[in-house]
Amino acid sequence: MVVSDLKKGDRAVILRVELSDAVKERLRVLDIRPGAEIVVFRISPFRATYLLGAGHSKVAIRREIAKKVQVFRR
């Protein structure tokens, strides 16, 4: 399952991030990393962007990135 499969209010744990090292590092700084728990706060119309909470951060990511972050839903 990936982030783009989640619904508003879902909680999940990140299993793997399948992106370039530069993008992984940028996400890691924002607490989007393997082992982190996330919550989906909002999903834009047409599922173009996802507003996630991770740690003390809120992060908006595009669908293309959301499809490459594997999660386990709680």
C-alpha atoms as a PDB file:
ATOM      1  CA  MET A   1       0.000   0.000   0.000  1.00  0.00           C
ATOM      2  CA  VAL A   2       1.212   3.547  -0.721  1.00  0.00           C
ATOM      3  CA  VAL A   3       0.265   6.975   0.637  1.00  0.00           C
ATOM      4  CA  SER A   4      -1.992   7.655  -2.361  1.00  0.00           C
ATOM      5  CA  ASP A   5      -4.167   4.685  -1.267  1.00  0.00           C
ATOM      6  CA  LEU A   6      -4.928   6.265   2.118  1.00  0.00           C
ATOM      7  CA  LYS A   7      -8.017   8.297   3.016  1.00  0.00           C
ATOM      8  CA  LYS A   8      -8.453  11.410   5.128  1.00  0.00           C
ATOM      9  CA  GLY A   9      -7.913  10.546   8.791  1.00  0.00           C
ATOM     10  CA  ASP A  10      -5.938   7.355   8.123  1.00  0.00           C
ATOM     11  CA  ARG A  11      -2.803   6.669  10.145  1.00  0.00           C
ATOM     12  CA  ALA A  12       0.076   4.639   8.753  1.00  0.00           C
ATOM     13  CA  VAL A  13       3.711   3.754   9.315  1.00  0.00           C
ATOM     14  CA  ILE A  14       6.163   4.380   6.484  1.00  0.00           C
ATOM     15  CA  LEU A  15       7.877   1.206   5.295  1.00  0.00           C
ATOM     16  CA  ARG A  16       9.928   2.404   2.322  1.00  0.00           C
ATOM     17  CA  VAL A  17      10.544   5.535   0.263  1.00  0.00           C
ATOM     18  CA  GLU A  18      11.344   4.707  -3.379  1.00  0.00           C
ATOM     19  CA  LEU A  19      12.658   8.033  -4.632  1.00  0.00           C
ATOM     20  CA  SER A  20      15.998   9.575  -5.545  1.00  0.00           C
ATOM     21  CA  ASP A  21      18.460  10.179  -2.715  1.00  0.00           C
ATOM     22  CA  ALA A  22      17.993  13.951  -2.939  1.00  0.00           C
ATOM     23  CA  VAL A  23      14.208  13.711  -2.549  1.00  0.00           C
ATOM     24  CA  LYS A  24      14.531  11.107   0.225  1.00  0.00           C
ATOM     25  CA  GLU A  25      16.819  13.443   2.154  1.00  0.00           C
ATOM     26  CA  ARG A  26      14.427  16.369   1.769  1.00  0.00           C
ATOM     27  CA  LEU A  27      11.535  14.227   3.030  1.00  0.00           C
ATOM     28  CA  ARG A  28      13.646  12.786   5.866  1.00  0.00           C
ATOM     29  CA  VAL A  29      14.258  16.284   7.206  1.00  0.00           C
ATOM     30  CA  LEU A  30      10.461  16.699   7.337  1.00  0.00           C
ATOM     31  CA  ASP A  31      10.037  13.363   9.246  1.00  0.00           C
ATOM     32  CA  ILE A  32       8.824  11.457   6.169  1.00  0.00           C
ATOM     33  CA  ARG A  33      11.128   8.447   6.593  1.00  0.00           C
ATOM     34  CA  PRO A  34      10.891   4.691   7.174  1.00  0.00           C
ATOM     35  CA  GLY A  35       9.533   3.932  10.637  1.00  0.00           C
ATOM     36  CA  ALA A  36       7.737   7.271  11.011  1.00  0.00           C
ATOM     37  CA  GLU A  37       4.013   7.385  11.727  1.00  0.00           C
ATOM     38  CA  ILE A  38       1.962   9.672   9.508  1.00  0.00           C
ATOM     39  CA  VAL A  39      -1.632  10.862   9.501  1.00  0.00           C
ATOM     40  CA  VAL A  40      -3.529  12.131   6.442  1.00  0.00           C
ATOM     41  CA  PHE A  41      -5.066  15.525   7.267  1.00  0.00           C
ATOM     42  CA  ARG A  42      -6.388  16.500   3.826  1.00  0.00           C
ATOM     43  CA  ILE A  43      -6.518  15.315   0.255  1.00  0.00           C
ATOM     44  CA  SER A  44      -7.011  17.886  -2.483  1.00  0.00           C
ATOM     45  CA  PRO A  45      -9.623  17.538  -5.221  1.00  0.00           C
ATOM     46  CA  PHE A  46      -8.663  14.913  -7.782  1.00  0.00           C
ATOM     47  CA  ARG A  47      -6.115  13.586  -5.230  1.00  0.00           C
ATOM     48  CA  ALA A  48      -3.436  15.911  -6.603  1.00  0.00           C
ATOM     49  CA  THR A  49      -1.809  16.638  -3.203  1.00  0.00           C
ATOM     50  CA  TYR A  50      -1.836  15.108   0.262  1.00  0.00           C
ATOM     51  CA  LEU A  51      -1.391  17.032   3.523  1.00  0.00           C
ATOM     52  CA  LEU A  52       0.360  14.728   5.973  1.00  0.00           C
ATOM     53  CA  GLY A  53       1.313  15.076   9.592  1.00  0.00           C
ATOM     54  CA  ALA A  54       4.599  13.471  10.622  1.00  0.00           C
ATOM     55  CA  GLY A  55       6.272  14.151  13.938  1.00  0.00           C
ATOM     56  CA  HIS A  56       5.949  17.883  14.551  1.00  0.00           C
ATOM     57  CA  SER A  57       5.618  18.695  10.845  1.00  0.00           C
ATOM     58  CA  LYS A  58       2.792  19.079   8.369  1.00  0.00           C
ATOM     59  CA  VAL A  59       3.895  18.310   4.843  1.00  0.00           C
ATOM     60  CA  ALA A  60       2.086  18.594   1.510  1.00  0.00           C
ATOM     61  CA  ILE A  61       3.264  16.121  -1.107  1.00  0.00           C
ATOM     62  CA  ARG A  62       2.205  15.610  -4.711  1.00  0.00           C
ATOM     63  CA  ARG A  63       0.507  12.457  -5.939  1.00  0.00           C
ATOM     64  CA  GLU A  64       3.657  11.399  -7.840  1.00  0.00           C
ATOM     65  CA  ILE A  65       5.596  11.291  -4.562  1.00  0.00           C
ATOM     66  CA  ALA A  66       2.682   9.771  -2.606  1.00  0.00           C
ATOM     67  CA  LYS A  67       2.703   6.819  -5.017  1.00  0.00           C
ATOM     68  CA  LYS A  68       6.342   6.064  -4.141  1.00  0.00           C
ATOM     69  CA  VAL A  69       6.027   6.016  -0.336  1.00  0.00           C
ATOM     70  CA  GLN A  70       5.046   2.547   0.871  1.00  0.00           C
ATOM     71  CA  VAL A  71       3.099   2.386   4.136  1.00  0.00           C
ATOM     72  CA  PHE A  72       1.394  -0.001   6.526  1.00  0.00           C
ATOM     73  CA  ARG A  73      -2.027   1.303   7.632  1.00  0.00           C
ATOM     74  CA  ARG A  74      -2.813   1.141  11.341  1.00  0.00           C
END
